[in-house]
C-alpha atoms as a PDB file:
ATOM      1  CA  UNK A   1      16.371  -1.998 -21.287  1.00  0.00           C
ATOM      2  CA  UNK A   2      17.819  -5.212 -19.872  1.00  0.00           C
ATOM      3  CA  UNK A   3      17.075  -6.288 -16.315  1.00  0.00           C
ATOM      4  CA  UNK A   4      20.726  -5.580 -15.418  1.00  0.00           C
ATOM      5  CA  UNK A   5      20.207  -1.900 -16.243  1.00  0.00           C
ATOM      6  CA  UNK A   6      16.945  -1.370 -14.409  1.00  0.00           C
ATOM      7  CA  UNK A   7      15.768  -1.598 -10.839  1.00  0.00           C
ATOM      8  CA  UNK A   8      13.656  -4.627  -9.936  1.00  0.00           C
ATOM      9  CA  UNK A   9      11.033  -4.878  -7.186  1.00  0.00           C
ATOM     10  CA  UNK A  10      10.023  -7.734  -4.896  1.00  0.00           C
ATOM     11  CA  UNK A  11       7.629  -8.014  -2.001  1.00  0.00           C
ATOM     12  CA  UNK A  12       7.774 -10.639   0.737  1.00  0.00           C
ATOM     13  CA  UNK A  13       4.456 -11.731   2.242  1.00  0.00           C
ATOM     14  CA  UNK A  14       3.716 -13.181   5.673  1.00  0.00           C
ATOM     15  CA  UNK A  15       0.368 -14.963   5.892  1.00  0.00           C
ATOM     16  CA  UNK A  16      -2.025 -14.841   8.831  1.00  0.00           C
ATOM     17  CA  UNK A  17      -2.469 -18.057  10.847  1.00  0.00           C
ATOM     18  CA  UNK A  18      -4.870 -20.477   9.165  1.00  0.00           C
ATOM     19  CA  UNK A  19      -4.324 -19.131   5.650  1.00  0.00           C
ATOM     20  CA  UNK A  20      -5.508 -21.605   2.983  1.00  0.00           C
ATOM     21  CA  UNK A  21      -2.936 -22.865   0.478  1.00  0.00           C
ATOM     22  CA  UNK A  22      -4.862 -21.111  -2.306  1.00  0.00           C
ATOM     23  CA  UNK A  23      -4.625 -17.585  -0.833  1.00  0.00           C
ATOM     24  CA  UNK A  24      -2.062 -16.479  -3.431  1.00  0.00           C
ATOM     25  CA  UNK A  25      -4.231 -17.428  -6.426  1.00  0.00           C
ATOM     26  CA  UNK A  26      -5.898 -14.019  -6.774  1.00  0.00           C
ATOM     27  CA  UNK A  27      -2.492 -12.654  -7.942  1.00  0.00           C
ATOM     28  CA  UNK A  28      -2.121 -15.337 -10.638  1.00  0.00           C
ATOM     29  CA  UNK A  29      -2.476 -13.634 -14.018  1.00  0.00           C
ATOM     30  CA  UNK A  30      -2.062 -10.115 -12.619  1.00  0.00           C
ATOM     31  CA  UNK A  31       0.147  -8.208 -15.111  1.00  0.00           C
ATOM     32  CA  UNK A  32       2.003  -6.522 -12.236  1.00  0.00           C
ATOM     33  CA  UNK A  33       3.238  -9.907 -10.925  1.00  0.00           C
ATOM     34  CA  UNK A  34       6.169 -11.262 -12.957  1.00  0.00           C
ATOM     35  CA  UNK A  35       6.689 -14.302 -10.730  1.00  0.00           C
ATOM     36  CA  UNK A  36       5.753 -15.846  -7.391  1.00  0.00           C
ATOM     37  CA  UNK A  37       7.664 -18.155  -5.064  1.00  0.00           C
ATOM     38  CA  UNK A  38       6.861 -20.049  -1.905  1.00  0.00           C
ATOM     39  CA  UNK A  39       9.648 -19.427   0.621  1.00  0.00           C
ATOM     40  CA  UNK A  40      11.043 -20.851   3.846  1.00  0.00           C
ATOM     41  CA  UNK A  41      12.009 -18.815   6.886  1.00  0.00           C
ATOM     42  CA  UNK A  42      10.457 -15.602   8.150  1.00  0.00           C
ATOM     43  CA  UNK A  43       8.344 -15.004   5.022  1.00  0.00           C
ATOM     44  CA  UNK A  44       5.827 -17.285   3.329  1.00  0.00           C
ATOM     45  CA  UNK A  45       6.061 -16.106  -0.267  1.00  0.00           C
ATOM     46  CA  UNK A  46       7.885 -13.642  -2.519  1.00  0.00           C
ATOM     47  CA  UNK A  47       6.423 -11.817  -5.506  1.00  0.00           C
ATOM     48  CA  UNK A  48       8.537 -10.305  -8.299  1.00  0.00           C
ATOM     49  CA  UNK A  49       6.722  -7.219  -9.530  1.00  0.00           C
ATOM     50  CA  UNK A  50       6.470  -5.360 -12.819  1.00  0.00           C
ATOM     51  CA  UNK A  51       6.630  -1.790 -11.492  1.00  0.00           C
ATOM     52  CA  UNK A  52       8.773   1.167 -12.507  1.00  0.00           C
ATOM     53  CA  UNK A  53       8.903   3.433  -9.447  1.00  0.00           C
ATOM     54  CA  UNK A  54       8.848   3.152  -5.654  1.00  0.00           C
ATOM     55  CA  UNK A  55       5.474   4.932  -5.634  1.00  0.00           C
ATOM     56  CA  UNK A  56       4.027   2.396  -8.080  1.00  0.00           C
ATOM     57  CA  UNK A  57       5.389  -0.407  -5.882  1.00  0.00           C
ATOM     58  CA  UNK A  58       3.822   0.972  -2.713  1.00  0.00           C
ATOM     59  CA  UNK A  59       0.540   1.637  -4.501  1.00  0.00           C
ATOM     60  CA  UNK A  60       0.383  -1.978  -5.690  1.00  0.00           C
ATOM     61  CA  UNK A  61       1.330  -3.357  -2.264  1.00  0.00           C
ATOM     62  CA  UNK A  62      -1.383  -1.397  -0.462  1.00  0.00           C
ATOM     63  CA  UNK A  63      -4.158  -1.642  -3.074  1.00  0.00           C
ATOM     64  CA  UNK A  64      -3.619  -5.195  -4.349  1.00  0.00           C
ATOM     65  CA  UNK A  65      -1.473  -7.281  -2.025  1.00  0.00           C
ATOM     66  CA  UNK A  66      -2.618  -6.047   1.376  1.00  0.00           C
ATOM     67  CA  UNK A  67      -6.275  -6.137   0.384  1.00  0.00           C
ATOM     68  CA  UNK A  68      -5.948  -9.945   0.390  1.00  0.00           C
ATOM     69  CA  UNK A  69      -7.658 -10.908   3.658  1.00  0.00           C
ATOM     70  CA  UNK A  70      -4.941 -13.468   4.471  1.00  0.00           C
ATOM     71  CA  UNK A  71      -1.936 -11.097   4.287  1.00  0.00           C
ATOM     72  CA  UNK A  72      -0.513 -10.290   7.710  1.00  0.00           C
ATOM     73  CA  UNK A  73       2.485  -8.158   6.735  1.00  0.00           C
ATOM     74  CA  UNK A  74       4.743  -7.322   3.793  1.00  0.00           C
ATOM     75  CA  UNK A  75       8.298  -6.192   3.161  1.00  0.00           C
ATOM     76  CA  UNK A  76       9.398  -4.575  -0.106  1.00  0.00           C
ATOM     77  CA  UNK A  77      12.791  -4.693  -1.834  1.00  0.00           C
ATOM     78  CA  UNK A  78      14.395  -2.774  -4.705  1.00  0.00           C
ATOM     79  CA  UNK A  79      17.526  -4.178  -6.331  1.00  0.00           C
ATOM     80  CA  UNK A  80      19.679  -3.561  -9.389  1.00  0.00           C
ATOM     81  CA  UNK A  81      21.803  -6.421 -10.701  1.00  0.00           C
ATOM     82  CA  UNK A  82      25.556  -5.740 -10.797  1.00  0.00           C
ATOM     83  CA  UNK A  83      26.692  -8.881 -12.647  1.00  0.00           C
END
């Protein structure tokens, strides 16, 4: 199934004050993470996730992302490409 026909998931991450620049490295190589970006604005990074359901997304956020000691808060997104 092409990405235009399936829902995609992202999670925005806000770091705690004093977070080292290497805090994201424990997600590098994780098969659930399709891509990672540093961002400007209200959030510090965005992860594109390889998950199939909202429950799988929330499970990954709480068991993998939020267990990182430097994560302050997260925001999840589901989107389906129109064109």
